[in-house]
Amino acid sequence: MSGDLAGLRVVVSAGPTYEDIDPVRFVGNRSSGKMGFAIAAAAARRGATTILVAGPVALDTPAGVERRDVRSAAQMHAAVMAALPADVYVGAAAVADFTPAAFAEGKIKKTPGDEGLVLELVRTADILADVATHPRRPRLVVGFAAETGDLEANALDKLARKRVDMVAANRVGVAGSGFEADDNTLHVLDAGGGRVLGPAAKTTLADALLDLVAARLR
C-alpha cells in the first residue's frame, strides 16, 4: 500500500477504560474513542499496518485496521505491550488512573442505616510511561493529555515526566472539545516547541497530527 506511513507499524489506543466495582457498576469516563479511532483510520489510509487497542466504545472498526477490544486499564496495558514492537505508538485512550482495590463478586446492596460507601482505589499501570521505557520502544511515542486547566504546563510536565516524544493536549469539560465531541483542538508539544491544531473535526485533526508524526520519522 502506498502512503507516507507505508511500511510502518502504528499502534493506537483509544476510548475509555471501565474499572469494575461489582457485576453492575464500574468507574469510567466520558471518552467516546472518536479521536483515537480517527487516528487509526488515517494511519491505515496512509499505508501503515495499524493496530487499534479499543476500550468499550460504540464505534465501527476503521477500514484496514486490526482491532483488539479491551475493557479495563490492566487489559489495555497487556494488549498494548503485546502489540509491540512498533514504529509509532499513539496513546489517545483515556485510561483510568485508579481502579477498585477489590472486585465484589455480588452486587453491593444498600442496607438499612447505610450513610454511604467507601470505595478504595489503587493506581493502575502507566501505559504511556511503560511504552516510553520499554526495551522495544517505538521510534516515536505520542501521548494525549485531557486537561481542564493549565493545558500547556500540564502537557509539558507529561512530556518530560513520561519521556515521550510528543504530547497532544486537549481541553475537556467544555462544549465542542475533548470527550464526546466530534470536533477538537489539539495543543501539540515536543522538544522543539508547540503548535495548535484546530479547532477542526477530529477526522481532520487525525491527519494533521499524523503529518507531524511523518515529519519526525523522515
N, C-alpha and C. Protein backbone atom coordinates (compact mmCIF):
# COMPACT_ATOMS: atom_id res chain seq x y z
N MET A 1 0.85 -1.20 0.00
CA MET A 1 0.00 0.00 0.00
C MET A 1 0.88 1.25 0.00
N SER A 2 0.53 2.26 -0.80
CA SER A 2 1.30 3.49 -0.86
C SER A 2 0.84 4.45 0.23
N GLY A 3 1.67 5.46 0.50
CA GLY A 3 1.36 6.45 1.52
C GLY A 3 2.60 6.76 2.32
N ASP A 4 2.59 7.91 3.01
CA ASP A 4 3.81 8.32 3.71
C ASP A 4 4.09 7.50 4.97
N LEU A 5 3.14 6.64 5.37
CA LEU A 5 3.38 5.75 6.51
C LEU A 5 3.50 4.29 6.07
N ALA A 6 3.62 4.07 4.77
CA ALA A 6 3.74 2.71 4.26
C ALA A 6 4.99 2.03 4.82
N GLY A 7 4.83 0.77 5.21
CA GLY A 7 5.94 0.01 5.78
C GLY A 7 6.11 0.19 7.27
N LEU A 8 5.33 1.06 7.88
CA LEU A 8 5.43 1.30 9.32
C LEU A 8 4.32 0.56 10.07
N ARG A 9 4.61 0.25 11.32
CA ARG A 9 3.62 -0.36 12.21
C ARG A 9 3.23 0.68 13.25
N VAL A 10 1.94 0.99 13.29
CA VAL A 10 1.42 2.02 14.19
C VAL A 10 0.43 1.37 15.15
N VAL A 11 0.63 1.60 16.44
CA VAL A 11 -0.28 1.12 17.47
C VAL A 11 -0.98 2.33 18.08
N VAL A 12 -2.30 2.27 18.13
CA VAL A 12 -3.11 3.35 18.68
C VAL A 12 -4.00 2.78 19.78
N SER A 13 -4.06 3.45 20.91
CA SER A 13 -5.05 3.08 21.94
C SER A 13 -6.11 4.17 21.99
N ALA A 14 -7.36 3.77 22.21
CA ALA A 14 -8.48 4.71 22.09
C ALA A 14 -9.59 4.36 23.06
N GLY A 15 -10.37 5.39 23.40
CA GLY A 15 -11.55 5.17 24.24
C GLY A 15 -11.26 5.18 25.72
N PRO A 16 -12.27 4.91 26.52
CA PRO A 16 -12.11 4.87 27.97
C PRO A 16 -11.68 3.49 28.43
N THR A 17 -11.46 3.35 29.71
CA THR A 17 -11.45 2.03 30.33
C THR A 17 -12.53 2.02 31.40
N TYR A 18 -13.08 0.84 31.65
CA TYR A 18 -14.08 0.65 32.70
C TYR A 18 -13.45 -0.22 33.78
N GLU A 19 -13.45 0.30 34.99
CA GLU A 19 -12.85 -0.39 36.12
C GLU A 19 -13.99 -0.91 37.01
N ASP A 20 -14.21 -2.22 36.97
CA ASP A 20 -15.39 -2.79 37.60
C ASP A 20 -15.33 -2.77 39.12
N ILE A 21 -16.46 -2.36 39.71
CA ILE A 21 -16.64 -2.37 41.17
C ILE A 21 -17.32 -3.66 41.59
N ASP A 22 -18.39 -4.01 40.90
CA ASP A 22 -19.12 -5.26 41.11
C ASP A 22 -19.73 -5.65 39.76
N PRO A 23 -20.53 -6.68 39.65
CA PRO A 23 -21.06 -7.07 38.34
C PRO A 23 -21.98 -6.03 37.71
N VAL A 24 -22.37 -4.99 38.46
CA VAL A 24 -23.31 -3.99 37.97
C VAL A 24 -22.64 -2.64 37.70
N ARG A 25 -21.68 -2.27 38.50
CA ARG A 25 -21.15 -0.90 38.49
C ARG A 25 -19.67 -0.88 38.10
N PHE A 26 -19.26 0.29 37.59
CA PHE A 26 -17.86 0.47 37.25
C PHE A 26 -17.48 1.94 37.42
N VAL A 27 -16.19 2.21 37.47
CA VAL A 27 -15.64 3.55 37.40
C VAL A 27 -15.19 3.77 35.96
N GLY A 28 -15.65 4.85 35.33
CA GLY A 28 -15.31 5.09 33.94
C GLY A 28 -15.17 6.57 33.66
N ASN A 29 -15.12 6.92 32.37
CA ASN A 29 -15.06 8.32 31.98
C ASN A 29 -15.84 8.53 30.69
N ARG A 30 -15.87 9.76 30.21
CA ARG A 30 -16.74 10.13 29.09
C ARG A 30 -16.08 10.00 27.71
N SER A 31 -14.90 9.42 27.63
CA SER A 31 -14.24 9.30 26.33
C SER A 31 -15.08 8.48 25.36
N SER A 32 -15.28 9.01 24.15
CA SER A 32 -16.04 8.31 23.11
C SER A 32 -15.16 7.45 22.23
N GLY A 33 -13.84 7.70 22.25
CA GLY A 33 -12.93 6.99 21.37
C GLY A 33 -12.80 7.59 19.99
N LYS A 34 -13.54 8.65 19.69
CA LYS A 34 -13.58 9.19 18.32
C LYS A 34 -12.21 9.68 17.85
N MET A 35 -11.45 10.31 18.73
CA MET A 35 -10.15 10.83 18.31
C MET A 35 -9.19 9.69 17.97
N GLY A 36 -9.11 8.70 18.84
CA GLY A 36 -8.22 7.58 18.59
C GLY A 36 -8.62 6.77 17.37
N PHE A 37 -9.92 6.57 17.18
CA PHE A 37 -10.38 5.84 16.01
C PHE A 37 -10.06 6.61 14.73
N ALA A 38 -10.18 7.94 14.78
CA ALA A 38 -9.85 8.76 13.61
C ALA A 38 -8.37 8.65 13.28
N ILE A 39 -7.53 8.62 14.30
CA ILE A 39 -6.08 8.49 14.08
C ILE A 39 -5.76 7.12 13.48
N ALA A 40 -6.37 6.07 14.00
CA ALA A 40 -6.14 4.73 13.46
C ALA A 40 -6.60 4.65 12.00
N ALA A 41 -7.76 5.22 11.70
CA ALA A 41 -8.27 5.20 10.33
C ALA A 41 -7.32 5.94 9.39
N ALA A 42 -6.83 7.10 9.83
CA ALA A 42 -5.92 7.89 8.99
C ALA A 42 -4.59 7.17 8.79
N ALA A 43 -4.09 6.53 9.83
CA ALA A 43 -2.82 5.80 9.71
C ALA A 43 -2.94 4.67 8.70
N ALA A 44 -4.06 3.96 8.73
CA ALA A 44 -4.27 2.87 7.78
C ALA A 44 -4.39 3.40 6.35
N ARG A 45 -5.12 4.51 6.18
CA ARG A 45 -5.25 5.11 4.85
C ARG A 45 -3.89 5.53 4.30
N ARG A 46 -3.00 5.92 5.19
CA ARG A 46 -1.68 6.41 4.77
C ARG A 46 -0.67 5.28 4.65
N GLY A 47 -1.13 4.03 4.74
CA GLY A 47 -0.30 2.90 4.41
C GLY A 47 0.28 2.12 5.57
N ALA A 48 0.03 2.55 6.81
CA ALA A 48 0.61 1.86 7.96
C ALA A 48 -0.14 0.59 8.29
N THR A 49 0.60 -0.40 8.77
CA THR A 49 -0.03 -1.55 9.43
C THR A 49 -0.49 -1.04 10.79
N THR A 50 -1.79 -1.03 11.01
CA THR A 50 -2.35 -0.31 12.16
C THR A 50 -3.07 -1.24 13.11
N ILE A 51 -2.65 -1.21 14.38
CA ILE A 51 -3.28 -1.97 15.45
C ILE A 51 -4.01 -0.98 16.35
N LEU A 52 -5.30 -1.20 16.56
CA LEU A 52 -6.11 -0.33 17.40
C LEU A 52 -6.55 -1.09 18.64
N VAL A 53 -6.07 -0.65 19.80
CA VAL A 53 -6.49 -1.22 21.07
C VAL A 53 -7.61 -0.34 21.61
N ALA A 54 -8.83 -0.87 21.62
CA ALA A 54 -10.01 -0.06 21.88
C ALA A 54 -10.66 -0.44 23.20
N GLY A 55 -10.92 0.57 24.01
CA GLY A 55 -11.74 0.38 25.19
C GLY A 55 -13.20 0.23 24.78
N PRO A 56 -14.12 0.16 25.74
CA PRO A 56 -15.54 -0.08 25.43
C PRO A 56 -16.21 1.13 24.80
N VAL A 57 -16.31 1.11 23.46
CA VAL A 57 -16.93 2.21 22.72
C VAL A 57 -17.89 1.65 21.68
N ALA A 58 -18.80 2.50 21.22
CA ALA A 58 -19.79 2.10 20.21
C ALA A 58 -19.39 2.68 18.86
N LEU A 59 -18.25 2.24 18.33
CA LEU A 59 -17.74 2.74 17.06
C LEU A 59 -17.37 1.56 16.17
N ASP A 60 -17.57 1.75 14.86
CA ASP A 60 -17.20 0.72 13.91
C ASP A 60 -15.68 0.69 13.72
N THR A 61 -15.16 -0.48 13.41
CA THR A 61 -13.73 -0.63 13.17
C THR A 61 -13.37 0.05 11.85
N PRO A 62 -12.38 0.94 11.85
CA PRO A 62 -11.97 1.59 10.59
C PRO A 62 -11.44 0.58 9.58
N ALA A 63 -11.60 0.90 8.32
CA ALA A 63 -11.13 0.02 7.25
C ALA A 63 -9.63 -0.18 7.34
N GLY A 64 -9.20 -1.42 7.18
CA GLY A 64 -7.78 -1.73 7.15
C GLY A 64 -7.11 -1.75 8.50
N VAL A 65 -7.87 -1.69 9.58
CA VAL A 65 -7.32 -1.64 10.93
C VAL A 65 -7.58 -2.95 11.66
N GLU A 66 -6.57 -3.44 12.36
CA GLU A 66 -6.74 -4.61 13.22
C GLU A 66 -7.14 -4.11 14.61
N ARG A 67 -8.31 -4.50 15.06
CA ARG A 67 -8.86 -4.00 16.33
C ARG A 67 -8.76 -5.06 17.41
N ARG A 68 -8.32 -4.64 18.59
CA ARG A 68 -8.25 -5.52 19.75
C ARG A 68 -9.04 -4.86 20.89
N ASP A 69 -10.16 -5.42 21.26
CA ASP A 69 -11.04 -4.83 22.25
C ASP A 69 -10.64 -5.22 23.67
N VAL A 70 -10.69 -4.24 24.56
CA VAL A 70 -10.39 -4.46 25.98
C VAL A 70 -11.43 -3.70 26.80
N ARG A 71 -11.41 -3.92 28.11
CA ARG A 71 -12.34 -3.22 28.99
C ARG A 71 -11.60 -2.39 30.04
N SER A 72 -10.66 -3.01 30.73
CA SER A 72 -10.02 -2.36 31.87
C SER A 72 -8.64 -1.80 31.51
N ALA A 73 -8.10 -0.98 32.41
CA ALA A 73 -6.75 -0.46 32.22
C ALA A 73 -5.72 -1.58 32.17
N ALA A 74 -5.89 -2.59 33.02
CA ALA A 74 -4.96 -3.71 33.02
C ALA A 74 -4.99 -4.45 31.69
N GLN A 75 -6.19 -4.65 31.14
CA GLN A 75 -6.31 -5.32 29.85
C GLN A 75 -5.72 -4.47 28.73
N MET A 76 -5.93 -3.16 28.80
CA MET A 76 -5.36 -2.29 27.77
C MET A 76 -3.84 -2.30 27.85
N HIS A 77 -3.30 -2.28 29.04
CA HIS A 77 -1.85 -2.34 29.22
C HIS A 77 -1.29 -3.61 28.59
N ALA A 78 -1.91 -4.73 28.88
CA ALA A 78 -1.44 -6.01 28.34
C ALA A 78 -1.53 -6.03 26.82
N ALA A 79 -2.62 -5.50 26.26
CA ALA A 79 -2.82 -5.52 24.81
C ALA A 79 -1.83 -4.61 24.10
N VAL A 80 -1.55 -3.45 24.67
CA VAL A 80 -0.59 -2.53 24.06
C VAL A 80 0.81 -3.15 24.08
N MET A 81 1.21 -3.71 25.21
CA MET A 81 2.53 -4.31 25.30
C MET A 81 2.66 -5.49 24.34
N ALA A 82 1.58 -6.24 24.17
CA ALA A 82 1.60 -7.39 23.25
C ALA A 82 1.70 -6.93 21.80
N ALA A 83 1.29 -5.70 21.51
CA ALA A 83 1.33 -5.18 20.14
C ALA A 83 2.71 -4.66 19.74
N LEU A 84 3.60 -4.51 20.71
CA LEU A 84 4.97 -4.08 20.40
C LEU A 84 5.76 -5.25 19.85
N PRO A 85 6.78 -5.01 19.01
CA PRO A 85 7.34 -3.71 18.67
C PRO A 85 6.51 -2.98 17.63
N ALA A 86 6.71 -1.67 17.58
CA ALA A 86 6.03 -0.83 16.60
C ALA A 86 6.94 0.35 16.29
N ASP A 87 6.63 1.03 15.20
CA ASP A 87 7.37 2.24 14.86
C ASP A 87 6.80 3.45 15.58
N VAL A 88 5.48 3.45 15.77
CA VAL A 88 4.79 4.58 16.39
C VAL A 88 3.75 4.06 17.37
N TYR A 89 3.68 4.68 18.53
CA TYR A 89 2.57 4.44 19.46
C TYR A 89 1.88 5.77 19.72
N VAL A 90 0.56 5.79 19.55
CA VAL A 90 -0.25 6.98 19.87
C VAL A 90 -1.21 6.60 20.98
N GLY A 91 -0.96 7.14 22.17
CA GLY A 91 -1.79 6.81 23.33
C GLY A 91 -2.93 7.81 23.46
N ALA A 92 -3.98 7.62 22.64
CA ALA A 92 -5.12 8.53 22.67
C ALA A 92 -6.20 8.10 23.65
N ALA A 93 -6.05 6.94 24.28
CA ALA A 93 -7.06 6.45 25.21
C ALA A 93 -7.07 7.26 26.50
N ALA A 94 -8.25 7.37 27.10
CA ALA A 94 -8.39 7.99 28.42
C ALA A 94 -8.38 6.87 29.45
N VAL A 95 -7.19 6.44 29.80
CA VAL A 95 -7.04 5.28 30.68
C VAL A 95 -7.25 5.71 32.13
N ALA A 96 -8.00 4.91 32.87
CA ALA A 96 -8.23 5.22 34.29
C ALA A 96 -6.92 5.23 35.05
N ASP A 97 -6.71 6.24 35.88
CA ASP A 97 -5.52 6.29 36.73
C ASP A 97 -5.68 5.41 37.97
N PHE A 98 -6.94 5.12 38.32
CA PHE A 98 -7.22 4.33 39.52
C PHE A 98 -8.26 3.26 39.21
N THR A 99 -8.18 2.17 39.93
CA THR A 99 -9.13 1.07 39.79
C THR A 99 -9.50 0.57 41.18
N PRO A 100 -10.69 0.01 41.37
CA PRO A 100 -11.06 -0.50 42.70
C PRO A 100 -10.04 -1.53 43.21
N ALA A 101 -9.73 -1.43 44.50
CA ALA A 101 -8.76 -2.35 45.10
C ALA A 101 -9.26 -3.78 45.10
N ALA A 102 -10.57 -3.96 45.15
CA ALA A 102 -11.15 -5.31 45.16
C ALA A 102 -12.45 -5.30 44.36
N PHE A 103 -12.72 -6.40 43.68
CA PHE A 103 -13.96 -6.57 42.93
C PHE A 103 -14.94 -7.38 43.76
N ALA A 104 -16.15 -6.86 43.93
CA ALA A 104 -17.17 -7.58 44.68
C ALA A 104 -17.86 -8.57 43.74
N GLU A 105 -17.83 -9.85 44.07
CA GLU A 105 -18.39 -10.87 43.19
C GLU A 105 -19.91 -10.75 43.04
N GLY A 106 -20.56 -10.22 44.08
CA GLY A 106 -22.00 -9.99 44.02
C GLY A 106 -22.30 -8.51 44.07
N LYS A 107 -23.49 -8.13 43.61
CA LYS A 107 -23.88 -6.72 43.63
C LYS A 107 -23.84 -6.17 45.05
N ILE A 108 -23.21 -5.01 45.20
CA ILE A 108 -23.16 -4.36 46.50
C ILE A 108 -24.54 -3.77 46.79
N LYS A 109 -25.16 -4.21 47.89
CA LYS A 109 -26.53 -3.82 48.21
C LYS A 109 -26.57 -2.75 49.29
N LYS A 110 -27.58 -1.91 49.20
CA LYS A 110 -27.85 -0.98 50.29
C LYS A 110 -28.47 -1.75 51.45
N THR A 111 -28.11 -1.36 52.63
CA THR A 111 -28.73 -1.95 53.82
C THR A 111 -29.25 -0.83 54.70
N PRO A 112 -30.28 -1.10 55.51
CA PRO A 112 -30.83 -0.05 56.37
C PRO A 112 -29.76 0.55 57.27
N GLY A 113 -29.74 1.86 57.33
CA GLY A 113 -28.77 2.56 58.17
C GLY A 113 -27.51 2.98 57.44
N ASP A 114 -27.32 2.49 56.21
CA ASP A 114 -26.13 2.90 55.45
C ASP A 114 -26.18 4.40 55.16
N GLU A 115 -25.08 5.08 55.39
CA GLU A 115 -24.98 6.50 55.07
C GLU A 115 -24.08 6.75 53.86
N GLY A 116 -23.43 5.72 53.39
CA GLY A 116 -22.54 5.89 52.25
C GLY A 116 -21.70 4.65 52.05
N LEU A 117 -20.84 4.71 51.05
CA LEU A 117 -19.96 3.60 50.73
C LEU A 117 -18.56 4.16 50.51
N VAL A 118 -17.59 3.58 51.16
CA VAL A 118 -16.20 3.96 50.96
C VAL A 118 -15.58 3.00 49.94
N LEU A 119 -15.10 3.55 48.84
CA LEU A 119 -14.52 2.75 47.78
C LEU A 119 -13.01 2.97 47.76
N GLU A 120 -12.25 1.93 47.99
CA GLU A 120 -10.79 2.04 47.98
C GLU A 120 -10.29 1.85 46.55
N LEU A 121 -9.48 2.80 46.10
CA LEU A 121 -8.93 2.75 44.75
C LEU A 121 -7.41 2.62 44.81
N VAL A 122 -6.85 1.93 43.84
CA VAL A 122 -5.40 1.80 43.74
C VAL A 122 -4.96 2.25 42.35
N ARG A 123 -3.69 2.61 42.20
CA ARG A 123 -3.18 3.08 40.93
C ARG A 123 -3.15 1.97 39.89
N THR A 124 -3.40 2.35 38.66
CA THR A 124 -3.25 1.42 37.54
C THR A 124 -1.85 1.57 36.95
N ALA A 125 -1.45 0.61 36.15
CA ALA A 125 -0.16 0.70 35.46
C ALA A 125 -0.19 1.86 34.47
N ASP A 126 0.93 2.53 34.31
CA ASP A 126 1.03 3.69 33.42
C ASP A 126 1.45 3.21 32.03
N ILE A 127 0.48 3.07 31.14
CA ILE A 127 0.75 2.51 29.82
C ILE A 127 1.73 3.38 29.04
N LEU A 128 1.49 4.68 29.02
CA LEU A 128 2.33 5.57 28.23
C LEU A 128 3.78 5.55 28.70
N ALA A 129 3.98 5.66 30.00
CA ALA A 129 5.34 5.64 30.54
C ALA A 129 6.00 4.29 30.30
N ASP A 130 5.24 3.22 30.41
CA ASP A 130 5.82 1.89 30.20
C ASP A 130 6.21 1.67 28.74
N VAL A 131 5.42 2.22 27.81
CA VAL A 131 5.81 2.12 26.39
C VAL A 131 7.08 2.93 26.15
N ALA A 132 7.16 4.11 26.74
CA ALA A 132 8.30 5.00 26.51
C ALA A 132 9.61 4.44 27.06
N THR A 133 9.54 3.56 28.05
CA THR A 133 10.75 2.99 28.64
C THR A 133 10.91 1.51 28.30
N HIS A 134 10.10 1.02 27.37
CA HIS A 134 10.11 -0.40 27.02
C HIS A 134 11.38 -0.75 26.24
N PRO A 135 11.93 -1.98 26.44
CA PRO A 135 13.10 -2.38 25.65
C PRO A 135 12.86 -2.33 24.15
N ARG A 136 11.60 -2.52 23.73
CA ARG A 136 11.24 -2.44 22.31
C ARG A 136 10.48 -1.14 22.05
N ARG A 137 10.97 -0.05 22.60
CA ARG A 137 10.32 1.26 22.48
C ARG A 137 10.11 1.63 21.03
N PRO A 138 8.92 2.10 20.67
CA PRO A 138 8.70 2.62 19.32
C PRO A 138 9.62 3.80 19.03
N ARG A 139 9.86 4.04 17.76
CA ARG A 139 10.68 5.18 17.37
C ARG A 139 10.06 6.49 17.81
N LEU A 140 8.74 6.52 17.83
CA LEU A 140 8.03 7.74 18.22
C LEU A 140 6.88 7.38 19.14
N VAL A 141 6.84 8.02 20.30
CA VAL A 141 5.78 7.79 21.28
C VAL A 141 5.02 9.09 21.47
N VAL A 142 3.72 9.04 21.19
CA VAL A 142 2.86 10.23 21.27
C VAL A 142 1.82 10.01 22.35
N GLY A 143 1.77 10.91 23.31
CA GLY A 143 0.78 10.83 24.36
C GLY A 143 -0.30 11.88 24.19
N PHE A 144 -1.43 11.64 24.81
CA PHE A 144 -2.51 12.63 24.86
C PHE A 144 -2.69 13.08 26.30
N ALA A 145 -3.10 14.33 26.47
CA ALA A 145 -3.38 14.86 27.80
C ALA A 145 -4.75 15.53 27.77
N ALA A 146 -5.68 15.00 28.53
CA ALA A 146 -7.02 15.59 28.66
C ALA A 146 -7.00 16.48 29.91
N GLU A 147 -7.15 17.77 29.72
CA GLU A 147 -6.98 18.72 30.83
C GLU A 147 -8.18 19.64 30.95
N THR A 148 -8.44 20.10 32.17
CA THR A 148 -9.48 21.09 32.41
C THR A 148 -8.88 22.47 32.65
N GLY A 149 -7.58 22.56 32.83
CA GLY A 149 -6.91 23.83 33.05
C GLY A 149 -5.40 23.66 32.95
N ASP A 150 -4.68 24.80 32.85
CA ASP A 150 -3.22 24.80 32.74
C ASP A 150 -2.75 23.82 31.67
N LEU A 151 -3.35 23.96 30.48
CA LEU A 151 -3.16 22.99 29.41
C LEU A 151 -1.69 22.82 29.05
N GLU A 152 -1.01 23.91 28.74
CA GLU A 152 0.37 23.81 28.28
C GLU A 152 1.30 23.33 29.39
N ALA A 153 1.13 23.84 30.60
CA ALA A 153 2.00 23.44 31.71
C ALA A 153 1.86 21.96 32.00
N ASN A 154 0.63 21.47 32.02
CA ASN A 154 0.42 20.05 32.29
C ASN A 154 0.95 19.17 31.16
N ALA A 155 0.81 19.64 29.92
CA ALA A 155 1.32 18.87 28.78
C ALA A 155 2.84 18.82 28.80
N LEU A 156 3.49 19.93 29.12
CA LEU A 156 4.95 19.95 29.21
C LEU A 156 5.46 19.04 30.32
N ASP A 157 4.73 19.03 31.43
CA ASP A 157 5.09 18.14 32.53
C ASP A 157 4.99 16.68 32.10
N LYS A 158 3.93 16.35 31.37
CA LYS A 158 3.74 14.97 30.90
C LYS A 158 4.83 14.59 29.90
N LEU A 159 5.17 15.51 29.02
CA LEU A 159 6.21 15.28 28.03
C LEU A 159 7.52 14.88 28.69
N ALA A 160 7.91 15.62 29.74
CA ALA A 160 9.18 15.35 30.40
C ALA A 160 9.10 14.15 31.34
N ARG A 161 8.05 14.09 32.13
CA ARG A 161 7.96 13.07 33.17
C ARG A 161 7.80 11.67 32.59
N LYS A 162 7.08 11.56 31.48
CA LYS A 162 6.83 10.23 30.92
C LYS A 162 7.78 9.88 29.77
N ARG A 163 8.70 10.80 29.46
CA ARG A 163 9.76 10.56 28.47
C ARG A 163 9.20 10.20 27.10
N VAL A 164 8.17 10.93 26.71
CA VAL A 164 7.59 10.70 25.40
C VAL A 164 8.14 11.73 24.42
N ASP A 165 7.85 11.54 23.14
CA ASP A 165 8.38 12.42 22.11
C ASP A 165 7.45 13.57 21.78
N MET A 166 6.16 13.38 22.02
CA MET A 166 5.17 14.39 21.64
C MET A 166 3.94 14.21 22.52
N VAL A 167 3.32 15.33 22.90
CA VAL A 167 2.07 15.28 23.66
C VAL A 167 1.04 16.15 22.94
N ALA A 168 -0.13 15.59 22.73
CA ALA A 168 -1.26 16.32 22.16
C ALA A 168 -2.26 16.57 23.29
N ALA A 169 -2.35 17.81 23.73
CA ALA A 169 -3.23 18.16 24.84
C ALA A 169 -4.53 18.72 24.33
N ASN A 170 -5.62 18.33 24.96
CA ASN A 170 -6.93 18.89 24.60
C ASN A 170 -7.72 19.20 25.86
N ARG A 171 -8.55 20.23 25.73
CA ARG A 171 -9.34 20.67 26.88
C ARG A 171 -10.64 19.87 26.94
N VAL A 172 -10.96 19.37 28.12
CA VAL A 172 -12.21 18.64 28.33
C VAL A 172 -13.09 19.43 29.29
N GLY A 173 -14.36 19.08 29.28
CA GLY A 173 -15.30 19.76 30.16
C GLY A 173 -15.87 21.04 29.58
N VAL A 174 -15.60 21.31 28.29
CA VAL A 174 -16.16 22.47 27.61
C VAL A 174 -16.84 21.99 26.32
N ALA A 175 -17.84 22.72 25.88
CA ALA A 175 -18.59 22.32 24.69
C ALA A 175 -17.72 22.37 23.44
N GLY A 176 -17.87 21.37 22.56
CA GLY A 176 -17.18 21.38 21.28
C GLY A 176 -15.74 20.97 21.32
N SER A 177 -15.31 20.35 22.41
CA SER A 177 -13.91 19.94 22.52
C SER A 177 -13.80 18.75 23.43
N GLY A 178 -12.78 17.93 23.21
CA GLY A 178 -12.50 16.83 24.11
C GLY A 178 -13.49 15.69 24.03
N PHE A 179 -13.87 15.15 25.17
CA PHE A 179 -14.71 13.96 25.24
C PHE A 179 -16.07 14.17 24.56
N GLU A 180 -16.52 13.14 23.87
CA GLU A 180 -17.86 13.02 23.29
C GLU A 180 -18.11 13.94 22.09
N ALA A 181 -17.26 14.93 21.85
CA ALA A 181 -17.48 15.87 20.76
C ALA A 181 -16.93 15.32 19.44
N ASP A 182 -17.46 15.85 18.33
CA ASP A 182 -16.94 15.48 17.01
C ASP A 182 -15.76 16.36 16.61
N ASP A 183 -15.66 17.54 17.23
CA ASP A 183 -14.57 18.47 16.95
C ASP A 183 -13.61 18.52 18.14
N ASN A 184 -12.43 19.10 17.88
CA ASN A 184 -11.45 19.20 18.96
C ASN A 184 -10.43 20.26 18.58
N THR A 185 -9.60 20.62 19.55
CA THR A 185 -8.43 21.45 19.33
C THR A 185 -7.27 20.78 20.05
N LEU A 186 -6.19 20.55 19.34
CA LEU A 186 -5.03 19.89 19.92
C LEU A 186 -3.88 20.87 20.07
N HIS A 187 -3.32 20.94 21.26
CA HIS A 187 -2.10 21.70 21.52
C HIS A 187 -0.97 20.68 21.55
N VAL A 188 -0.18 20.64 20.48
CA VAL A 188 0.84 19.61 20.32
C VAL A 188 2.20 20.17 20.73
N LEU A 189 2.84 19.51 21.67
CA LEU A 189 4.13 19.97 22.18
C LEU A 189 5.17 18.87 22.03
N ASP A 190 6.38 19.29 21.67
CA ASP A 190 7.53 18.38 21.66
C ASP A 190 8.76 19.19 22.06
N ALA A 191 9.93 18.58 21.95
CA ALA A 191 11.14 19.27 22.39
C ALA A 191 11.42 20.54 21.59
N GLY A 192 10.85 20.62 20.38
CA GLY A 192 11.08 21.78 19.53
C GLY A 192 10.12 22.92 19.74
N GLY A 193 9.13 22.75 20.61
CA GLY A 193 8.15 23.80 20.85
C GLY A 193 6.73 23.27 20.75
N GLY A 194 5.82 24.13 20.31
CA GLY A 194 4.42 23.72 20.27
C GLY A 194 3.70 24.36 19.11
N ARG A 195 2.56 23.77 18.79
CA ARG A 195 1.68 24.32 17.76
C ARG A 195 0.26 23.91 18.09
N VAL A 196 -0.68 24.66 17.57
CA VAL A 196 -2.10 24.40 17.82
C VAL A 196 -2.73 23.89 16.53
N LEU A 197 -3.41 22.75 16.63
CA LEU A 197 -4.14 22.18 15.50
C LEU A 197 -5.63 22.35 15.78
N GLY A 198 -6.33 22.97 14.85
CA GLY A 198 -7.76 23.18 15.03
C GLY A 198 -8.07 24.55 15.58
N PRO A 199 -9.34 24.76 15.94
CA PRO A 199 -10.40 23.76 16.05
C PRO A 199 -10.81 23.19 14.69
N ALA A 200 -11.10 21.89 14.70
CA ALA A 200 -11.48 21.20 13.47
C ALA A 200 -12.11 19.87 13.85
N ALA A 201 -12.68 19.20 12.86
CA ALA A 201 -13.22 17.87 13.08
C ALA A 201 -12.09 16.91 13.50
N LYS A 202 -12.41 15.97 14.33
CA LYS A 202 -11.38 15.03 14.79
C LYS A 202 -10.78 14.24 13.62
N THR A 203 -11.58 14.00 12.59
CA THR A 203 -11.05 13.31 11.41
C THR A 203 -9.98 14.16 10.72
N THR A 204 -10.19 15.46 10.68
CA THR A 204 -9.19 16.36 10.10
C THR A 204 -7.96 16.46 10.98
N LEU A 205 -8.17 16.54 12.28
CA LEU A 205 -7.06 16.65 13.22
C LEU A 205 -6.19 15.38 13.20
N ALA A 206 -6.81 14.23 12.95
CA ALA A 206 -6.04 12.99 12.91
C ALA A 206 -4.97 13.06 11.83
N ASP A 207 -5.33 13.54 10.65
CA ASP A 207 -4.34 13.66 9.58
C ASP A 207 -3.32 14.75 9.89
N ALA A 208 -3.75 15.84 10.50
CA ALA A 208 -2.82 16.91 10.85
C ALA A 208 -1.78 16.41 11.86
N LEU A 209 -2.23 15.62 12.82
CA LEU A 209 -1.29 15.06 13.80
C LEU A 209 -0.34 14.07 13.14
N LEU A 210 -0.86 13.25 12.24
CA LEU A 210 0.00 12.28 11.55
C LEU A 210 0.96 12.96 10.58
N ASP A 211 0.62 14.15 10.10
CA ASP A 211 1.59 14.93 9.32
C ASP A 211 2.83 15.22 10.18
N LEU A 212 2.61 15.58 11.44
CA LEU A 212 3.72 15.86 12.35
C LEU A 212 4.50 14.59 12.65
N VAL A 213 3.77 13.47 12.82
CA VAL A 213 4.43 12.19 13.07
C VAL A 213 5.31 11.81 11.88
N ALA A 214 4.75 11.90 10.68
CA ALA A 214 5.51 11.53 9.48
C ALA A 214 6.75 12.41 9.32
N ALA A 215 6.63 13.69 9.63
CA ALA A 215 7.77 14.60 9.52
C ALA A 215 8.88 14.22 10.49
N ARG A 216 8.51 13.78 11.70
CA ARG A 216 9.51 13.37 12.70
C ARG A 216 10.23 12.10 12.29
N LEU A 217 9.58 11.26 11.50
CA LEU A 217 10.17 9.97 11.13
C LEU A 217 11.01 10.03 9.86
N ARG A 218 10.99 11.17 9.16
CA ARG A 218 11.77 11.27 7.92
C ARG A 218 13.27 11.31 8.20
